Protein backbone atom coordinates (compact mmCIF):
# COMPACT_ATOMS: atom_id res chain seq x y z
CA MET A 1 -15.44 -1.32 116.57
CA LYS A 2 -14.37 -0.55 113.04
CA THR A 3 -14.74 -3.22 110.37
CA THR A 4 -12.31 -3.25 107.49
CA LEU A 5 -13.15 -5.09 104.33
CA ILE A 6 -10.20 -6.66 102.58
CA ALA A 7 -10.66 -7.27 98.88
CA THR A 8 -9.50 -10.71 97.91
CA GLN A 9 -8.22 -11.41 94.48
CA LYS A 10 -9.84 -14.14 92.48
CA LEU A 11 -7.57 -17.15 92.08
CA LEU A 12 -6.95 -17.63 88.37
CA ASN A 13 -6.20 -21.08 86.98
CA VAL A 14 -3.57 -20.97 84.24
CA PHE A 15 -2.54 -23.72 81.81
CA ILE A 16 0.75 -23.37 79.89
CA VAL A 17 1.27 -24.92 76.44
CA ASP A 18 4.87 -24.65 75.28
CA ASP A 19 7.41 -27.26 74.20
CA SER A 20 10.33 -25.42 75.81
CA GLN A 21 11.05 -26.36 79.43
CA ILE A 22 12.99 -23.10 79.77
CA VAL A 23 9.96 -21.04 78.72
CA ARG A 24 7.63 -23.04 80.97
CA ASP A 25 9.99 -22.47 83.91
CA ARG A 26 10.31 -18.76 83.15
CA LEU A 27 6.52 -18.38 82.90
CA THR A 28 6.04 -20.30 86.14
CA SER A 29 8.53 -18.07 87.94
CA LEU A 30 6.95 -14.92 86.52
CA LEU A 31 3.41 -16.00 87.40
CA ASN A 32 4.35 -17.12 90.91
CA GLU A 33 5.45 -13.56 91.60
CA VAL A 34 2.02 -12.23 90.62
CA GLY A 35 0.10 -14.06 93.32
CA SER A 36 -3.40 -15.52 93.17
CA ILE A 37 -2.32 -17.66 90.20
CA ASN A 38 -2.71 -21.42 90.20
CA ILE A 39 -0.82 -23.14 87.39
CA VAL A 40 -3.01 -26.17 86.81
CA GLY A 41 -0.82 -27.87 84.23
CA TYR A 42 1.53 -27.90 81.28
CA ALA A 43 1.58 -29.50 77.85
CA ASP A 44 4.17 -29.61 75.09
CA ASN A 45 2.09 -31.14 72.29
CA PRO A 46 -1.33 -30.48 70.74
CA LEU A 47 -3.07 -33.68 71.85
CA SER A 48 -2.19 -33.48 75.54
CA ALA A 49 -2.83 -29.72 75.47
CA THR A 50 -6.35 -30.12 74.08
CA GLU A 51 -7.23 -33.03 76.37
CA SER A 52 -5.95 -31.22 79.46
CA ILE A 53 -7.64 -27.94 78.61
CA VAL A 54 -10.97 -29.69 78.09
CA ALA A 55 -10.60 -31.55 81.39
CA LEU A 56 -9.30 -28.64 83.48
CA GLN A 57 -11.22 -25.66 81.98
CA PRO A 58 -8.56 -23.11 83.04
CA ASP A 59 -9.32 -19.40 83.21
CA ILE A 60 -6.26 -18.57 81.11
CA ILE A 61 -4.23 -20.52 78.55
CA ILE A 62 -0.76 -19.38 77.54
CA LEU A 63 -0.15 -20.97 74.14
CA ASP A 64 2.85 -21.22 71.83
CA ILE A 65 2.29 -21.63 68.09
CA PHE A 66 4.85 -24.33 67.33
CA LEU A 67 4.71 -27.42 69.54
CA LEU A 68 6.12 -30.94 69.51
CA GLY A 69 4.25 -32.77 66.78
CA GLY A 70 1.93 -29.97 65.77
CA SER A 71 0.54 -26.51 66.03
CA GLY A 72 -0.82 -24.35 68.80
CA ILE A 73 -3.12 -22.81 66.22
CA HIS A 74 -4.82 -26.21 65.87
CA VAL A 75 -5.15 -26.39 69.66
CA LEU A 76 -6.77 -22.96 69.61
CA LYS A 77 -9.13 -23.95 66.81
CA ASN A 78 -10.07 -27.21 68.57
CA ILE A 79 -10.78 -25.68 71.96
CA ARG A 80 -12.85 -22.88 70.46
CA SER A 81 -14.87 -25.43 68.47
CA LEU A 82 -15.56 -27.15 71.82
CA ASN A 83 -16.79 -23.85 73.29
CA ILE A 84 -13.91 -23.52 75.75
CA THR A 85 -14.16 -19.91 76.91
CA SER A 86 -10.74 -19.60 78.57
CA LYS A 87 -8.80 -16.45 77.75
CA VAL A 88 -6.03 -17.43 75.35
CA ILE A 89 -2.72 -15.60 75.32
CA VAL A 90 -0.55 -16.62 72.37
CA LEU A 91 3.12 -16.20 73.26
CA THR A 92 5.44 -17.04 70.40
CA ASN A 93 8.75 -16.42 68.69
CA TYR A 94 6.82 -16.36 65.40
CA ALA A 95 5.12 -12.99 65.68
CA GLN A 96 4.76 -12.38 61.95
CA GLU A 97 1.55 -10.74 60.84
CA GLN A 98 0.15 -13.89 59.17
CA TYR A 99 0.40 -15.82 62.46
CA ARG A 100 -1.07 -12.94 64.45
CA LYS A 101 -4.00 -12.69 62.05
CA LYS A 102 -4.63 -16.45 62.03
CA CYS A 103 -4.54 -16.65 65.84
CA PHE A 104 -7.08 -13.87 66.21
CA GLU A 105 -9.27 -15.48 63.52
CA GLU A 106 -9.23 -18.72 65.52
CA GLY A 107 -10.17 -17.00 68.77
CA ALA A 108 -7.02 -15.82 70.55
CA ASP A 109 -7.59 -12.99 72.99
CA PHE A 110 -3.98 -11.73 73.04
CA PHE A 111 -0.87 -12.25 70.93
CA PHE A 112 2.67 -11.48 72.11
CA ASP A 113 6.19 -11.87 70.76
CA LYS A 114 8.32 -13.85 73.25
CA SER A 115 11.45 -11.92 72.39
CA ILE A 116 10.13 -8.44 73.20
CA GLU A 117 6.75 -8.77 74.96
CA PHE A 118 7.24 -11.66 77.41
CA ASP A 119 6.67 -9.50 80.49
CA ARG A 120 3.35 -8.19 79.16
CA ILE A 121 1.82 -11.47 80.34
CA VAL A 122 1.64 -10.10 83.89
CA ASP A 123 -0.21 -6.94 82.84
CA VAL A 124 -2.70 -8.90 80.78
CA ILE A 125 -3.40 -11.35 83.58
CA GLN A 126 -3.96 -8.47 85.99
CA LYS A 127 -6.47 -6.96 83.53
CA ILE A 128 -8.22 -10.33 83.13
CA ARG A 129 -8.46 -10.61 86.92
CA VAL A 130 -10.02 -7.16 87.25
CA ALA A 131 -12.55 -7.97 84.53
CA ALA A 132 -13.48 -11.33 86.11
């Protein structure tokens, strides 16, 4: 009798922070196609984002810079100050160098321009999965 080992992919918990329902829906659709992804929640403002991230401790956070009533950069700064080790993927329409630099200074792991790099999210998540 031959035994075959089947490698199982680690289920990754993802939290999405974006104030656009259209973007949240598009990300959800994209991530559902990847498989082994569990979207644990959504937030559209800094306070609920920070509270939810602290409570849920997702593996990956997809974070926009500009949110209802505040900044994703402040969310990033707050969660890093609380030693949240989730991988953070900044996905924004504001991909200017000063924002990119600030996000990396505050602890972002990746930074993508929504208008031209949206689909790179899948590749990055696959790389995170392999490294996990």
